[in-house]
Structures are given as C-alpha cells and as structure tokens.
C-alpha atoms as a PDB file:
ATOM      1  CA  MET A   1      35.333  98.760  56.779  1.00  0.00           C
ATOM      2  CA  TYR A   2      34.146  97.182  59.953  1.00  0.00           C
ATOM      3  CA  ILE A   3      32.931  99.210  62.910  1.00  0.00           C
ATOM      4  CA  VAL A   4      32.290  97.862  66.410  1.00  0.00           C
ATOM      5  CA  ILE A   5      30.021  99.648  68.732  1.00  0.00           C
ATOM      6  CA  GLN A   6      29.593  99.005  72.434  1.00  0.00           C
ATOM      7  CA  HIS A   7      26.332 100.211  73.748  1.00  0.00           C
ATOM      8  CA  GLU A   8      26.286 100.763  77.570  1.00  0.00           C
ATOM      9  CA  ILE A   9      22.472 100.705  77.991  1.00  0.00           C
ATOM     10  CA  THR A  10      21.136 103.348  80.471  1.00  0.00           C
ATOM     11  CA  ASP A  11      17.571 103.226  79.639  1.00  0.00           C
ATOM     12  CA  PRO A  12      16.777  99.458  78.517  1.00  0.00           C
ATOM     13  CA  GLU A  13      13.139 100.130  77.629  1.00  0.00           C
ATOM     14  CA  LEU A  14      13.860 103.070  75.342  1.00  0.00           C
ATOM     15  CA  PHE A  15      16.933 101.450  73.941  1.00  0.00           C
ATOM     16  CA  TRP A  16      15.309  98.208  72.831  1.00  0.00           C
ATOM     17  CA  GLN A  17      12.280 100.009  71.649  1.00  0.00           C
ATOM     18  CA  ARG A  18      14.346 102.148  69.303  1.00  0.00           C
ATOM     19  CA  ALA A  19      16.955  99.435  68.519  1.00  0.00           C
ATOM     20  CA  SER A  20      14.111  97.177  66.976  1.00  0.00           C
ATOM     21  CA  GLY A  21      13.853  99.497  64.102  1.00  0.00           C
ATOM     22  CA  VAL A  22      17.394 100.930  63.800  1.00  0.00           C
ATOM     23  CA  LEU A  23      19.193  97.528  63.890  1.00  0.00           C
ATOM     24  CA  THR A  24      16.737  95.785  61.618  1.00  0.00           C
ATOM     25  CA  HIS A  25      16.278  98.524  58.893  1.00  0.00           C
ATOM     26  CA  PRO A  26      19.687 100.216  58.174  1.00  0.00           C
ATOM     27  CA  PRO A  27      20.104 102.497  55.182  1.00  0.00           C
ATOM     28  CA  SER A  28      21.594 101.430  51.935  1.00  0.00           C
ATOM     29  CA  GLY A  29      25.471 101.107  52.278  1.00  0.00           C
ATOM     30  CA  MET A  30      25.288  99.817  55.930  1.00  0.00           C
ATOM     31  CA  ARG A  31      25.150  96.230  57.041  1.00  0.00           C
ATOM     32  CA  LEU A  32      24.791  94.919  60.483  1.00  0.00           C
ATOM     33  CA  HIS A  33      26.841  91.727  60.924  1.00  0.00           C
ATOM     34  CA  ALA A  34      26.442  90.840  64.525  1.00  0.00           C
ATOM     35  CA  THR A  35      24.568  91.932  67.596  1.00  0.00           C
ATOM     36  CA  MET A  36      25.724  90.390  70.976  1.00  0.00           C
ATOM     37  CA  ILE A  37      23.637  91.131  74.068  1.00  0.00           C
ATOM     38  CA  VAL A  38      25.096  90.517  77.613  1.00  0.00           C
ATOM     39  CA  GLU A  39      24.658  91.498  81.159  1.00  0.00           C
ATOM     40  CA  ARG A  40      20.888  91.242  81.414  1.00  0.00           C
ATOM     41  CA  HIS A  41      20.353  93.530  78.358  1.00  0.00           C
ATOM     42  CA  LYS A  42      22.409  96.463  79.927  1.00  0.00           C
ATOM     43  CA  LEU A  43      25.268  95.867  77.443  1.00  0.00           C
ATOM     44  CA  CYS A  44      25.102  95.329  73.666  1.00  0.00           C
ATOM     45  CA  GLN A  45      27.917  95.101  71.107  1.00  0.00           C
ATOM     46  CA  CYS A  46      27.361  95.378  67.492  1.00  0.00           C
ATOM     47  CA  MET A  47      29.502  95.066  64.281  1.00  0.00           C
ATOM     48  CA  TRP A  48      28.614  97.084  61.237  1.00  0.00           C
ATOM     49  CA  GLU A  49      30.057  97.392  57.787  1.00  0.00           C
ATOM     50  CA  ALA A  50      30.023 100.705  56.275  1.00  0.00           C
ATOM     51  CA  GLU A  51      32.291 103.230  54.415  1.00  0.00           C
ATOM     52  CA  SER A  52      33.112 105.168  57.590  1.00  0.00           C
ATOM     53  CA  ILE A  53      32.723 105.303  61.285  1.00  0.00           C
ATOM     54  CA  ASP A  54      31.035 108.658  60.947  1.00  0.00           C
ATOM     55  CA  ILE A  55      28.297 107.174  58.856  1.00  0.00           C
ATOM     56  CA  VAL A  56      27.411 104.605  61.520  1.00  0.00           C
ATOM     57  CA  ARG A  57      27.743 107.256  64.320  1.00  0.00           C
ATOM     58  CA  ASP A  58      25.475 109.714  62.380  1.00  0.00           C
ATOM     59  CA  TYR A  59      22.803 106.945  62.049  1.00  0.00           C
ATOM     60  CA  LEU A  60      22.875 105.468  65.460  1.00  0.00           C
ATOM     61  CA  GLU A  61      23.363 108.469  67.772  1.00  0.00           C
ATOM     62  CA  PRO A  62      20.074 110.259  67.010  1.00  0.00           C
ATOM     63  CA  GLU A  63      18.166 107.096  67.793  1.00  0.00           C
ATOM     64  CA  LEU A  64      20.141 105.441  70.556  1.00  0.00           C
ATOM     65  CA  GLY A  65      22.133 108.335  72.165  1.00  0.00           C
ATOM     66  CA  GLU A  66      19.489 109.160  74.717  1.00  0.00           C
ATOM     67  CA  ALA A  67      19.263 105.508  75.895  1.00  0.00           C
ATOM     68  CA  SER A  68      22.955 104.430  75.878  1.00  0.00           C
ATOM     69  CA  ILE A  69      26.544 105.507  76.042  1.00  0.00           C
ATOM     70  CA  ASN A  70      28.034 104.329  72.759  1.00  0.00           C
ATOM     71  CA  THR A  71      31.695 103.722  72.113  1.00  0.00           C
ATOM     72  CA  TYR A  72      32.784 103.328  68.437  1.00  0.00           C
ATOM     73  CA  GLY A  73      35.910 101.625  67.075  1.00  0.00           C
ATOM     74  CA  LEU A  74      37.390 100.513  63.867  1.00  0.00           C
ATOM     75  CA  VAL A  75      38.215  96.840  63.553  1.00  0.00           C
ATOM     76  CA  ASP A  76      41.839  96.236  62.660  1.00  0.00           C
ATOM     77  CA  PRO A  77      41.671  93.757  59.742  1.00  0.00           C
ATOM     78  CA  ASP A  78      45.290  92.715  60.250  1.00  0.00           C
ATOM     79  CA  ARG A  79      44.596  91.507  63.865  1.00  0.00           C
ATOM     80  CA  ALA A  80      41.039  90.443  63.715  1.00  0.00           C
ATOM     81  CA  ILE A  81      40.295  86.724  64.174  1.00  0.00           C
ATOM     82  CA  GLY A  82      37.300  85.107  62.596  1.00  0.00           C
END
C-alpha cells in the first residue's frame, strides 16, 4: 500500500539533519517513492510504500516527531492519478 505523509516542519535544522538518514536508508520492506519540498523547506510531503501505515509511522515518528508535525494518510488506489 502507498502512504502519504505531510511534514509540517517546526525545526528545520533538526528535521533535515535527521531526514537525511531516515529518508535515504529505510528498513527492508519500506520504499520511499517521492519527496516533495515546498515553502522554503517548512513543508515536505513524502510517499512511501509499505505493508501498513503503522510501519511507516513507527519508523518516522521517533526520528522526525520532535522536528515536525506529521500527518499520515493512505492513498486511495481507485482515485489516485499517476
């Protein structure tokens, strides 16, 4: 399944320091498909592929939770375009 995360970045320095490792070295069974950075690095949206939203949340929150407010959602494959 595909999971989209919106990161509202509250501490850019900490977020990007931690994201450089988290986003580039995910565990087996998770794959990062896209990272979109907008609004002067204060907002980031990512799309992951994993078996569940909980797996992604459990991986990202310990690293990025201090530096961003994260909103998770499942992609609806019947309505997605692209």
